[in-house]
Amino acid sequence: MSLKHGLLGFLSYSPKTGYELAKMFFDPIKPSISLIYRKLNEMAEESLVTFERVDQEKLPYRNVFHITPAGRAELERWLREPLTLVPPNQSVLFQLWFGSCVDKEDIIADIKAYAGQLREVLSYYQTKAGVLIKKGMQEYATPLDRMYWDLVVELAIQEYRLALKWAEAAIQQIASFEPSGDKATKTKLTPSLSQASTTKKSTPK
């Protein structure tokens, strides 16, 4: 995700504080407030945004950010770029590739945890994402906006649903796999974490 262009996009709707901008991101990809403000300050130095100090009675002042003509031009330039293919989760790929170096129960436990994360994110896009669009962003919505937003949510749902289907099938396939042949058993590279924590270090005599 390009945080800079996401912020420019939200500011194209209307001026906002950093806190208000944070609330517009979906939870699974929401950046921290500190990261948002750091990026906004960088964008101000690039003349992509400006900000004004707004005083509040009995409350600290707020910095309200506005998109500049240069910022809008940069947003439009980025939107015209070709869509790029996002590679799969490389951590998952490499851990599975070398999975034979540890017990299959360890890999199954990892994939189960991964599947749990997928279910949580899938549930978010199936329920809360739609609520955010309807309530939190309704004031900016045109029919064209809603069509694009719905397409984004549908893509996320389809991708996480497919990943979850793969994870569940992988668990079954690994659990039912029975090695055979002389080379079926490999020497483990390292002991498991639980074994390492319980093994006492030997001392030279």
N, C-alpha and C. Protein backbone atom coordinates (compact mmCIF):
# COMPACT_ATOMS: atom_id res chain seq x y z
N MET A 1 0.84 -1.19 0.00
CA MET A 1 0.00 0.00 0.00
C MET A 1 0.88 1.24 0.00
N SER A 2 0.54 2.21 -0.83
CA SER A 2 1.23 3.50 -0.83
C SER A 2 0.51 4.41 0.14
N LEU A 3 1.10 4.60 1.32
CA LEU A 3 0.46 5.43 2.34
C LEU A 3 0.30 6.86 1.85
N LYS A 4 1.32 7.36 1.18
CA LYS A 4 1.25 8.74 0.69
C LYS A 4 0.04 8.95 -0.21
N HIS A 5 -0.16 8.04 -1.13
CA HIS A 5 -1.26 8.22 -2.08
C HIS A 5 -2.61 7.92 -1.43
N GLY A 6 -2.62 7.00 -0.46
CA GLY A 6 -3.86 6.79 0.28
C GLY A 6 -4.28 8.04 1.03
N LEU A 7 -3.33 8.71 1.66
CA LEU A 7 -3.63 9.95 2.39
C LEU A 7 -4.08 11.05 1.42
N LEU A 8 -3.42 11.15 0.28
CA LEU A 8 -3.84 12.13 -0.71
C LEU A 8 -5.26 11.86 -1.18
N GLY A 9 -5.58 10.57 -1.36
CA GLY A 9 -6.93 10.21 -1.80
C GLY A 9 -7.98 10.63 -0.79
N PHE A 10 -7.75 10.34 0.48
CA PHE A 10 -8.72 10.72 1.50
C PHE A 10 -8.82 12.23 1.64
N LEU A 11 -7.69 12.93 1.52
CA LEU A 11 -7.73 14.39 1.62
C LEU A 11 -8.41 15.02 0.40
N SER A 12 -8.49 14.28 -0.71
CA SER A 12 -9.19 14.81 -1.87
C SER A 12 -10.69 14.92 -1.62
N TYR A 13 -11.19 14.14 -0.63
CA TYR A 13 -12.60 14.25 -0.26
C TYR A 13 -12.86 15.54 0.51
N SER A 14 -12.01 15.80 1.51
CA SER A 14 -12.15 17.01 2.33
C SER A 14 -10.95 17.11 3.26
N PRO A 15 -10.65 18.31 3.80
CA PRO A 15 -9.55 18.47 4.76
C PRO A 15 -9.81 17.64 6.02
N LYS A 16 -8.71 17.12 6.60
CA LYS A 16 -8.87 16.25 7.77
C LYS A 16 -7.64 16.34 8.67
N THR A 17 -7.83 15.96 9.94
CA THR A 17 -6.71 15.80 10.84
C THR A 17 -6.12 14.41 10.64
N GLY A 18 -4.95 14.20 11.24
CA GLY A 18 -4.34 12.87 11.16
C GLY A 18 -5.21 11.81 11.80
N TYR A 19 -5.85 12.15 12.91
CA TYR A 19 -6.72 11.19 13.59
C TYR A 19 -7.92 10.84 12.72
N GLU A 20 -8.50 11.83 12.06
CA GLU A 20 -9.64 11.56 11.18
C GLU A 20 -9.22 10.70 9.99
N LEU A 21 -8.02 10.93 9.49
CA LEU A 21 -7.52 10.11 8.38
C LEU A 21 -7.34 8.65 8.81
N ALA A 22 -6.84 8.44 10.02
CA ALA A 22 -6.62 7.07 10.52
C ALA A 22 -7.92 6.29 10.55
N LYS A 23 -9.02 6.94 10.89
CA LYS A 23 -10.31 6.25 11.00
C LYS A 23 -10.85 5.82 9.64
N MET A 24 -10.29 6.31 8.56
CA MET A 24 -10.81 5.98 7.24
C MET A 24 -10.16 4.72 6.66
N PHE A 25 -9.09 4.24 7.27
CA PHE A 25 -8.45 3.03 6.79
C PHE A 25 -9.15 1.79 7.34
N PHE A 26 -9.21 0.74 6.55
CA PHE A 26 -9.69 -0.54 7.06
C PHE A 26 -8.72 -1.05 8.12
N ASP A 27 -9.24 -1.67 9.16
CA ASP A 27 -8.41 -2.12 10.29
C ASP A 27 -7.22 -2.99 9.88
N PRO A 28 -7.38 -3.99 8.99
CA PRO A 28 -6.24 -4.85 8.67
C PRO A 28 -5.05 -4.12 8.05
N ILE A 29 -5.27 -2.94 7.47
CA ILE A 29 -4.17 -2.20 6.85
C ILE A 29 -4.00 -0.82 7.47
N LYS A 30 -4.58 -0.60 8.64
CA LYS A 30 -4.54 0.74 9.25
C LYS A 30 -3.14 1.04 9.77
N PRO A 31 -2.51 2.13 9.31
CA PRO A 31 -1.20 2.51 9.85
C PRO A 31 -1.36 3.19 11.21
N SER A 32 -0.27 3.28 11.95
CA SER A 32 -0.32 3.92 13.26
C SER A 32 -0.47 5.44 13.08
N ILE A 33 -0.99 6.08 14.12
CA ILE A 33 -1.15 7.53 14.09
C ILE A 33 0.20 8.21 13.88
N SER A 34 1.23 7.72 14.58
CA SER A 34 2.55 8.34 14.46
C SER A 34 3.08 8.24 13.04
N LEU A 35 2.85 7.10 12.37
CA LEU A 35 3.29 6.95 11.00
C LEU A 35 2.53 7.89 10.06
N ILE A 36 1.25 8.06 10.31
CA ILE A 36 0.44 8.96 9.48
C ILE A 36 0.95 10.39 9.59
N TYR A 37 1.19 10.84 10.83
CA TYR A 37 1.66 12.22 11.00
C TYR A 37 3.07 12.41 10.43
N ARG A 38 3.90 11.41 10.57
CA ARG A 38 5.24 11.50 9.99
C ARG A 38 5.17 11.62 8.47
N LYS A 39 4.30 10.82 7.86
CA LYS A 39 4.14 10.88 6.41
C LYS A 39 3.52 12.21 5.98
N LEU A 40 2.57 12.72 6.74
CA LEU A 40 1.96 14.01 6.41
C LEU A 40 2.99 15.14 6.45
N ASN A 41 3.88 15.09 7.43
CA ASN A 41 4.93 16.11 7.51
C ASN A 41 5.86 16.02 6.30
N GLU A 42 6.18 14.80 5.88
CA GLU A 42 7.01 14.63 4.69
C GLU A 42 6.29 15.18 3.45
N MET A 43 4.98 14.92 3.38
CA MET A 43 4.21 15.39 2.23
C MET A 43 4.09 16.91 2.23
N ALA A 44 4.06 17.52 3.42
CA ALA A 44 4.04 18.98 3.51
C ALA A 44 5.34 19.57 2.97
N GLU A 45 6.46 18.90 3.26
CA GLU A 45 7.75 19.35 2.75
C GLU A 45 7.83 19.23 1.23
N GLU A 46 7.07 18.29 0.67
CA GLU A 46 7.02 18.12 -0.78
C GLU A 46 5.96 19.01 -1.43
N SER A 47 5.28 19.81 -0.61
CA SER A 47 4.22 20.71 -1.08
C SER A 47 3.02 19.96 -1.64
N LEU A 48 2.83 18.72 -1.19
CA LEU A 48 1.65 17.95 -1.61
C LEU A 48 0.45 18.25 -0.74
N VAL A 49 0.70 18.67 0.51
CA VAL A 49 -0.37 19.06 1.43
C VAL A 49 0.08 20.32 2.17
N THR A 50 -0.90 21.02 2.69
CA THR A 50 -0.66 22.12 3.62
C THR A 50 -1.48 21.83 4.87
N PHE A 51 -1.20 22.56 5.95
CA PHE A 51 -2.02 22.37 7.15
C PHE A 51 -2.24 23.70 7.84
N GLU A 52 -3.34 23.76 8.53
CA GLU A 52 -3.68 24.95 9.31
C GLU A 52 -3.94 24.55 10.76
N ARG A 53 -3.56 25.42 11.65
CA ARG A 53 -3.78 25.18 13.07
C ARG A 53 -5.17 25.71 13.44
N VAL A 54 -5.98 24.83 14.00
CA VAL A 54 -7.35 25.19 14.40
C VAL A 54 -7.44 25.09 15.92
N ASP A 55 -7.67 26.22 16.56
CA ASP A 55 -7.80 26.24 18.02
C ASP A 55 -9.16 25.73 18.45
N GLN A 56 -9.19 25.07 19.58
CA GLN A 56 -10.44 24.53 20.14
C GLN A 56 -10.60 25.00 21.58
N GLU A 57 -11.79 25.35 21.94
CA GLU A 57 -12.05 25.80 23.31
C GLU A 57 -11.90 24.62 24.28
N LYS A 58 -11.04 24.79 25.27
CA LYS A 58 -10.79 23.81 26.33
C LYS A 58 -10.16 22.51 25.81
N LEU A 59 -9.70 22.52 24.57
CA LEU A 59 -9.05 21.34 24.00
C LEU A 59 -7.79 21.77 23.26
N PRO A 60 -6.83 20.86 23.10
CA PRO A 60 -5.62 21.22 22.33
C PRO A 60 -5.99 21.57 20.89
N TYR A 61 -5.15 22.38 20.29
CA TYR A 61 -5.40 22.75 18.89
C TYR A 61 -5.24 21.54 17.98
N ARG A 62 -5.82 21.63 16.79
CA ARG A 62 -5.73 20.56 15.80
C ARG A 62 -5.02 21.08 14.55
N ASN A 63 -4.23 20.19 13.93
CA ASN A 63 -3.66 20.49 12.62
C ASN A 63 -4.55 19.84 11.57
N VAL A 64 -5.17 20.67 10.75
CA VAL A 64 -6.05 20.17 9.70
C VAL A 64 -5.30 20.26 8.37
N PHE A 65 -5.23 19.12 7.67
CA PHE A 65 -4.44 19.03 6.45
C PHE A 65 -5.32 19.19 5.22
N HIS A 66 -4.77 19.87 4.21
CA HIS A 66 -5.46 20.11 2.94
C HIS A 66 -4.58 19.61 1.80
N ILE A 67 -5.19 19.05 0.78
CA ILE A 67 -4.44 18.65 -0.40
C ILE A 67 -4.19 19.89 -1.26
N THR A 68 -3.02 19.97 -1.85
CA THR A 68 -2.67 21.10 -2.71
C THR A 68 -2.89 20.71 -4.17
N PRO A 69 -2.85 21.69 -5.08
CA PRO A 69 -2.92 21.33 -6.52
C PRO A 69 -1.83 20.35 -6.92
N ALA A 70 -0.62 20.50 -6.35
CA ALA A 70 0.46 19.56 -6.65
C ALA A 70 0.13 18.17 -6.11
N GLY A 71 -0.50 18.14 -4.93
CA GLY A 71 -0.90 16.85 -4.36
C GLY A 71 -1.96 16.17 -5.19
N ARG A 72 -2.91 16.95 -5.69
CA ARG A 72 -3.96 16.36 -6.52
C ARG A 72 -3.39 15.85 -7.84
N ALA A 73 -2.42 16.58 -8.39
CA ALA A 73 -1.78 16.14 -9.63
C ALA A 73 -1.00 14.84 -9.40
N GLU A 74 -0.34 14.72 -8.23
CA GLU A 74 0.40 13.50 -7.91
C GLU A 74 -0.56 12.33 -7.72
N LEU A 75 -1.70 12.57 -7.08
CA LEU A 75 -2.70 11.52 -6.90
C LEU A 75 -3.19 11.01 -8.25
N GLU A 76 -3.50 11.94 -9.16
CA GLU A 76 -4.01 11.55 -10.47
C GLU A 76 -2.94 10.82 -11.28
N ARG A 77 -1.67 11.25 -11.14
CA ARG A 77 -0.58 10.56 -11.84
C ARG A 77 -0.48 9.12 -11.37
N TRP A 78 -0.56 8.91 -10.05
CA TRP A 78 -0.46 7.57 -9.47
C TRP A 78 -1.64 6.71 -9.89
N LEU A 79 -2.84 7.28 -9.93
CA LEU A 79 -4.03 6.51 -10.30
C LEU A 79 -3.98 6.03 -11.75
N ARG A 80 -3.22 6.71 -12.58
CA ARG A 80 -3.11 6.32 -13.99
C ARG A 80 -2.02 5.27 -14.22
N GLU A 81 -1.26 4.96 -13.18
CA GLU A 81 -0.22 3.93 -13.32
C GLU A 81 -0.88 2.56 -13.49
N PRO A 82 -0.23 1.64 -14.23
CA PRO A 82 -0.77 0.28 -14.37
C PRO A 82 -0.84 -0.42 -13.01
N LEU A 83 -1.86 -1.23 -12.80
CA LEU A 83 -1.95 -2.01 -11.58
C LEU A 83 -0.82 -3.03 -11.55
N THR A 84 -0.25 -3.25 -10.37
CA THR A 84 0.87 -4.18 -10.24
C THR A 84 0.42 -5.43 -9.49
N LEU A 85 1.06 -6.54 -9.83
CA LEU A 85 0.76 -7.80 -9.16
C LEU A 85 1.48 -7.85 -7.81
N VAL A 86 0.71 -8.09 -6.75
CA VAL A 86 1.29 -8.19 -5.41
C VAL A 86 1.73 -9.63 -5.18
N PRO A 87 3.01 -9.87 -4.83
CA PRO A 87 3.47 -11.25 -4.63
C PRO A 87 2.84 -11.88 -3.39
N PRO A 88 2.73 -13.20 -3.35
CA PRO A 88 2.19 -13.87 -2.16
C PRO A 88 3.05 -13.62 -0.94
N ASN A 89 2.51 -13.97 0.22
CA ASN A 89 3.24 -13.82 1.48
C ASN A 89 4.53 -14.63 1.42
N GLN A 90 5.68 -13.94 1.32
CA GLN A 90 6.94 -14.65 1.14
C GLN A 90 7.34 -15.43 2.37
N SER A 91 6.96 -14.96 3.55
CA SER A 91 7.28 -15.70 4.77
C SER A 91 6.62 -17.07 4.76
N VAL A 92 5.35 -17.12 4.36
CA VAL A 92 4.64 -18.40 4.27
C VAL A 92 5.30 -19.31 3.25
N LEU A 93 5.65 -18.75 2.10
CA LEU A 93 6.26 -19.56 1.04
C LEU A 93 7.56 -20.21 1.50
N PHE A 94 8.44 -19.44 2.11
CA PHE A 94 9.74 -19.98 2.51
C PHE A 94 9.63 -20.94 3.68
N GLN A 95 8.74 -20.68 4.64
CA GLN A 95 8.58 -21.60 5.76
C GLN A 95 8.06 -22.95 5.28
N LEU A 96 7.16 -22.94 4.32
CA LEU A 96 6.65 -24.20 3.80
C LEU A 96 7.68 -24.91 2.93
N TRP A 97 8.44 -24.16 2.17
CA TRP A 97 9.42 -24.77 1.28
C TRP A 97 10.41 -25.63 2.07
N PHE A 98 10.81 -25.15 3.24
CA PHE A 98 11.77 -25.88 4.06
C PHE A 98 11.10 -26.61 5.23
N GLY A 99 9.81 -26.89 5.07
CA GLY A 99 9.04 -27.51 6.15
C GLY A 99 9.54 -28.87 6.57
N SER A 100 10.22 -29.59 5.68
CA SER A 100 10.68 -30.94 6.03
C SER A 100 11.81 -30.92 7.06
N CYS A 101 12.32 -29.74 7.37
CA CYS A 101 13.42 -29.65 8.35
C CYS A 101 12.92 -29.74 9.79
N VAL A 102 11.60 -29.66 10.00
CA VAL A 102 11.04 -29.76 11.33
C VAL A 102 9.90 -30.77 11.30
N ASP A 103 9.37 -31.11 12.47
CA ASP A 103 8.24 -32.04 12.53
C ASP A 103 7.03 -31.43 11.84
N LYS A 104 6.26 -32.29 11.18
CA LYS A 104 5.10 -31.78 10.46
C LYS A 104 4.06 -31.18 11.41
N GLU A 105 4.06 -31.62 12.67
CA GLU A 105 3.13 -31.04 13.65
C GLU A 105 3.41 -29.56 13.86
N ASP A 106 4.69 -29.18 13.77
CA ASP A 106 5.05 -27.77 13.92
C ASP A 106 4.49 -26.95 12.76
N ILE A 107 4.62 -27.49 11.55
CA ILE A 107 4.11 -26.78 10.38
C ILE A 107 2.59 -26.70 10.42
N ILE A 108 1.95 -27.78 10.84
CA ILE A 108 0.49 -27.78 10.94
C ILE A 108 0.03 -26.71 11.93
N ALA A 109 0.72 -26.60 13.06
CA ALA A 109 0.36 -25.59 14.06
C ALA A 109 0.52 -24.18 13.49
N ASP A 110 1.58 -23.97 12.70
CA ASP A 110 1.79 -22.66 12.09
C ASP A 110 0.69 -22.33 11.09
N ILE A 111 0.31 -23.31 10.27
CA ILE A 111 -0.72 -23.06 9.27
C ILE A 111 -2.08 -22.85 9.95
N LYS A 112 -2.34 -23.56 11.04
CA LYS A 112 -3.60 -23.33 11.77
C LYS A 112 -3.66 -21.91 12.31
N ALA A 113 -2.54 -21.43 12.84
CA ALA A 113 -2.51 -20.05 13.33
C ALA A 113 -2.71 -19.06 12.18
N TYR A 114 -2.09 -19.36 11.05
CA TYR A 114 -2.24 -18.53 9.85
C TYR A 114 -3.69 -18.52 9.37
N ALA A 115 -4.33 -19.69 9.40
CA ALA A 115 -5.73 -19.78 9.00
C ALA A 115 -6.62 -18.98 9.94
N GLY A 116 -6.27 -18.98 11.22
CA GLY A 116 -7.05 -18.18 12.18
C GLY A 116 -6.97 -16.70 11.85
N GLN A 117 -5.79 -16.24 11.48
CA GLN A 117 -5.65 -14.83 11.09
C GLN A 117 -6.46 -14.53 9.83
N LEU A 118 -6.43 -15.46 8.89
CA LEU A 118 -7.20 -15.27 7.66
C LEU A 118 -8.69 -15.17 7.95
N ARG A 119 -9.18 -16.00 8.88
CA ARG A 119 -10.60 -15.96 9.22
C ARG A 119 -10.99 -14.61 9.83
N GLU A 120 -10.12 -14.08 10.69
CA GLU A 120 -10.40 -12.80 11.32
C GLU A 120 -10.49 -11.68 10.29
N VAL A 121 -9.51 -11.66 9.38
CA VAL A 121 -9.50 -10.60 8.37
C VAL A 121 -10.67 -10.77 7.39
N LEU A 122 -10.95 -12.02 7.01
CA LEU A 122 -12.08 -12.28 6.12
C LEU A 122 -13.38 -11.83 6.77
N SER A 123 -13.55 -12.13 8.05
CA SER A 123 -14.75 -11.70 8.77
C SER A 123 -14.87 -10.18 8.78
N TYR A 124 -13.74 -9.51 8.94
CA TYR A 124 -13.77 -8.03 8.95
C TYR A 124 -14.30 -7.50 7.63
N TYR A 125 -13.76 -8.00 6.52
CA TYR A 125 -14.19 -7.48 5.23
C TYR A 125 -15.62 -7.88 4.89
N GLN A 126 -16.08 -8.99 5.45
CA GLN A 126 -17.46 -9.41 5.19
C GLN A 126 -18.47 -8.62 6.02
N THR A 127 -18.04 -8.00 7.10
CA THR A 127 -18.98 -7.32 8.00
C THR A 127 -18.60 -5.87 8.25
N LYS A 128 -17.51 -5.63 8.96
CA LYS A 128 -17.18 -4.27 9.42
C LYS A 128 -16.78 -3.33 8.29
N ALA A 129 -16.16 -3.85 7.24
CA ALA A 129 -15.75 -2.98 6.13
C ALA A 129 -16.95 -2.31 5.50
N GLY A 130 -18.03 -3.05 5.34
CA GLY A 130 -19.25 -2.48 4.78
C GLY A 130 -19.86 -1.42 5.68
N VAL A 131 -19.76 -1.63 7.00
CA VAL A 131 -20.28 -0.65 7.95
C VAL A 131 -19.49 0.64 7.86
N LEU A 132 -18.15 0.53 7.75
CA LEU A 132 -17.31 1.72 7.62
C LEU A 132 -17.68 2.51 6.37
N ILE A 133 -17.90 1.82 5.28
CA ILE A 133 -18.26 2.50 4.04
C ILE A 133 -19.61 3.20 4.17
N LYS A 134 -20.57 2.51 4.78
CA LYS A 134 -21.93 3.06 4.86
C LYS A 134 -22.04 4.21 5.85
N LYS A 135 -21.31 4.10 6.99
CA LYS A 135 -21.45 5.11 8.03
C LYS A 135 -20.30 6.12 8.02
N GLY A 136 -19.08 5.62 8.02
CA GLY A 136 -17.95 6.53 8.15
C GLY A 136 -17.61 7.31 6.91
N MET A 137 -18.03 6.81 5.72
CA MET A 137 -17.65 7.47 4.48
C MET A 137 -18.85 7.85 3.62
N GLN A 138 -20.02 7.76 4.20
CA GLN A 138 -21.24 8.01 3.44
C GLN A 138 -21.29 9.44 2.89
N GLU A 139 -20.75 10.39 3.65
CA GLU A 139 -20.86 11.79 3.24
C GLU A 139 -20.05 12.09 1.97
N TYR A 140 -19.07 11.23 1.65
CA TYR A 140 -18.26 11.45 0.45
C TYR A 140 -18.75 10.63 -0.73
N ALA A 141 -19.71 9.76 -0.51
CA ALA A 141 -20.05 8.74 -1.50
C ALA A 141 -20.88 9.31 -2.64
N THR A 142 -20.44 9.01 -3.84
CA THR A 142 -21.26 9.14 -5.04
C THR A 142 -21.52 7.72 -5.53
N PRO A 143 -22.47 7.51 -6.40
CA PRO A 143 -22.68 6.15 -6.93
C PRO A 143 -21.40 5.55 -7.52
N LEU A 144 -20.58 6.38 -8.17
CA LEU A 144 -19.34 5.88 -8.75
C LEU A 144 -18.36 5.47 -7.64
N ASP A 145 -18.26 6.29 -6.60
CA ASP A 145 -17.40 5.94 -5.46
C ASP A 145 -17.82 4.60 -4.86
N ARG A 146 -19.12 4.44 -4.61
CA ARG A 146 -19.61 3.22 -3.99
C ARG A 146 -19.30 2.00 -4.84
N MET A 147 -19.38 2.13 -6.15
CA MET A 147 -19.06 1.00 -7.01
C MET A 147 -17.60 0.58 -6.84
N TYR A 148 -16.69 1.57 -6.85
CA TYR A 148 -15.27 1.25 -6.68
C TYR A 148 -15.00 0.68 -5.29
N TRP A 149 -15.60 1.25 -4.26
CA TRP A 149 -15.37 0.75 -2.90
C TRP A 149 -15.87 -0.68 -2.75
N ASP A 150 -17.03 -0.98 -3.33
CA ASP A 150 -17.56 -2.34 -3.26
C ASP A 150 -16.64 -3.32 -4.00
N LEU A 151 -16.05 -2.89 -5.10
CA LEU A 151 -15.12 -3.75 -5.83
C LEU A 151 -13.88 -4.06 -5.00
N VAL A 152 -13.39 -3.07 -4.26
CA VAL A 152 -12.22 -3.28 -3.40
C VAL A 152 -12.53 -4.31 -2.32
N VAL A 153 -13.67 -4.16 -1.67
CA VAL A 153 -14.05 -5.08 -0.61
C VAL A 153 -14.25 -6.49 -1.16
N GLU A 154 -14.88 -6.60 -2.32
CA GLU A 154 -15.12 -7.92 -2.92
C GLU A 154 -13.80 -8.60 -3.28
N LEU A 155 -12.83 -7.84 -3.78
CA LEU A 155 -11.52 -8.42 -4.10
C LEU A 155 -10.85 -8.95 -2.83
N ALA A 156 -10.91 -8.18 -1.75
CA ALA A 156 -10.31 -8.62 -0.49
C ALA A 156 -10.99 -9.90 0.01
N ILE A 157 -12.31 -9.95 -0.07
CA ILE A 157 -13.05 -11.14 0.39
C ILE A 157 -12.64 -12.36 -0.43
N GLN A 158 -12.58 -12.22 -1.74
CA GLN A 158 -12.23 -13.35 -2.60
C GLN A 158 -10.80 -13.83 -2.34
N GLU A 159 -9.87 -12.91 -2.14
CA GLU A 159 -8.47 -13.30 -1.91
C GLU A 159 -8.30 -14.02 -0.58
N TYR A 160 -8.90 -13.49 0.48
CA TYR A 160 -8.75 -14.13 1.79
C TYR A 160 -9.54 -15.44 1.87
N ARG A 161 -10.66 -15.51 1.17
CA ARG A 161 -11.43 -16.76 1.14
C ARG A 161 -10.62 -17.85 0.44
N LEU A 162 -9.97 -17.49 -0.66
CA LEU A 162 -9.15 -18.47 -1.39
C LEU A 162 -7.95 -18.91 -0.56
N ALA A 163 -7.30 -17.95 0.13
CA ALA A 163 -6.15 -18.29 0.97
C ALA A 163 -6.57 -19.21 2.11
N LEU A 164 -7.73 -18.97 2.69
CA LEU A 164 -8.22 -19.81 3.77
C LEU A 164 -8.53 -21.22 3.27
N LYS A 165 -9.12 -21.31 2.09
CA LYS A 165 -9.42 -22.62 1.50
C LYS A 165 -8.13 -23.40 1.29
N TRP A 166 -7.08 -22.71 0.81
CA TRP A 166 -5.79 -23.37 0.62
C TRP A 166 -5.22 -23.84 1.95
N ALA A 167 -5.28 -22.99 3.00
CA ALA A 167 -4.71 -23.34 4.30
C ALA A 167 -5.39 -24.57 4.88
N GLU A 168 -6.71 -24.65 4.79
CA GLU A 168 -7.44 -25.78 5.33
C GLU A 168 -7.09 -27.07 4.58
N ALA A 169 -6.94 -26.97 3.26
CA ALA A 169 -6.56 -28.15 2.47
C ALA A 169 -5.12 -28.56 2.78
N ALA A 170 -4.24 -27.58 2.99
CA ALA A 170 -2.84 -27.88 3.30
C ALA A 170 -2.72 -28.62 4.62
N ILE A 171 -3.50 -28.21 5.61
CA ILE A 171 -3.47 -28.87 6.92
C ILE A 171 -3.84 -30.34 6.78
N GLN A 172 -4.90 -30.62 6.03
CA GLN A 172 -5.34 -32.01 5.83
C GLN A 172 -4.29 -32.82 5.08
N GLN A 173 -3.68 -32.21 4.06
CA GLN A 173 -2.71 -32.94 3.25
C GLN A 173 -1.45 -33.26 4.06
N ILE A 174 -0.98 -32.31 4.85
CA ILE A 174 0.21 -32.55 5.66
C ILE A 174 -0.07 -33.57 6.75
N ALA A 175 -1.24 -33.45 7.39
CA ALA A 175 -1.59 -34.35 8.48
C ALA A 175 -1.71 -35.80 8.00
N SER A 176 -2.18 -36.00 6.77
CA SER A 176 -2.39 -37.37 6.27
C SER A 176 -1.17 -37.93 5.55
N PHE A 177 -0.14 -37.12 5.38
CA PHE A 177 1.04 -37.59 4.64
C PHE A 177 1.84 -38.59 5.46
N GLU A 178 2.14 -39.72 4.87
CA GLU A 178 2.95 -40.75 5.51
C GLU A 178 4.18 -41.00 4.65
N PRO A 179 5.38 -40.62 5.12
CA PRO A 179 6.58 -40.81 4.31
C PRO A 179 6.92 -42.29 4.14
N SER A 180 7.59 -42.60 3.05
CA SER A 180 8.02 -43.97 2.80
C SER A 180 9.35 -43.94 2.08
N GLY A 181 10.12 -45.01 2.20
CA GLY A 181 11.40 -45.08 1.52
C GLY A 181 12.55 -44.78 2.44
N ASP A 182 13.76 -45.05 1.97
CA ASP A 182 14.95 -44.87 2.79
C ASP A 182 15.22 -43.42 3.12
N LYS A 183 14.84 -42.50 2.23
CA LYS A 183 15.15 -41.09 2.44
C LYS A 183 13.98 -40.32 3.04
N ALA A 184 13.03 -41.06 3.60
CA ALA A 184 11.83 -40.40 4.11
C ALA A 184 12.12 -39.57 5.35
N THR A 185 13.04 -40.01 6.17
CA THR A 185 13.32 -39.32 7.42
C THR A 185 14.54 -38.43 7.26
N LYS A 186 14.37 -37.15 7.56
CA LYS A 186 15.48 -36.21 7.48
C LYS A 186 15.92 -35.82 8.87
N THR A 187 17.20 -35.58 9.02
CA THR A 187 17.72 -35.11 10.30
C THR A 187 17.31 -33.66 10.49
N LYS A 188 16.72 -33.36 11.63
CA LYS A 188 16.28 -32.00 11.91
C LYS A 188 17.49 -31.10 12.10
N LEU A 189 17.39 -29.87 11.56
CA LEU A 189 18.50 -28.94 11.64
C LEU A 189 18.73 -28.44 13.07
N THR A 190 17.64 -28.16 13.75
CA THR A 190 17.73 -27.63 15.11
C THR A 190 16.62 -28.25 15.94
N PRO A 191 16.79 -28.30 17.28
CA PRO A 191 15.69 -28.76 18.12
C PRO A 191 14.57 -27.75 18.11
N SER A 192 13.37 -28.20 18.50
CA SER A 192 12.25 -27.28 18.58
C SER A 192 12.48 -26.28 19.70
N LEU A 193 11.70 -25.23 19.71
CA LEU A 193 11.86 -24.21 20.75
C LEU A 193 11.64 -24.79 22.14
N SER A 194 10.65 -25.67 22.25
CA SER A 194 10.36 -26.25 23.56
C SER A 194 11.51 -27.13 24.02
N GLN A 195 12.13 -27.85 23.07
CA GLN A 195 13.26 -28.70 23.43
C GLN A 195 14.46 -27.85 23.82
N ALA A 196 14.67 -26.75 23.07
CA ALA A 196 15.82 -25.91 23.34
C ALA A 196 15.73 -25.26 24.71
N SER A 197 14.51 -24.93 25.14
CA SER A 197 14.35 -24.26 26.42
C SER A 197 14.54 -25.20 27.59
N THR A 198 14.35 -26.51 27.37
CA THR A 198 14.43 -27.46 28.48
C THR A 198 15.77 -28.18 28.53
N THR A 199 16.56 -28.06 27.44
CA THR A 199 17.85 -28.75 27.40
C THR A 199 18.90 -27.94 28.17
N LYS A 200 19.58 -28.57 29.09
CA LYS A 200 20.61 -27.90 29.88
C LYS A 200 21.90 -27.86 29.07
N LYS A 201 22.58 -26.73 29.17
CA LYS A 201 23.86 -26.58 28.50
C LYS A 201 24.92 -27.37 29.26
N SER A 202 25.78 -28.09 28.51
CA SER A 202 26.86 -28.82 29.13
C SER A 202 28.05 -27.90 29.32
N THR A 203 28.80 -28.13 30.36
CA THR A 203 29.94 -27.30 30.65
C THR A 203 31.20 -28.13 30.52
N PRO A 204 32.28 -27.53 29.98
CA PRO A 204 33.53 -28.30 29.81
C PRO A 204 34.15 -28.63 31.15
N LYS A 205 34.73 -29.80 31.22
CA LYS A 205 35.37 -30.21 32.47
C LYS A 205 36.87 -29.90 32.41
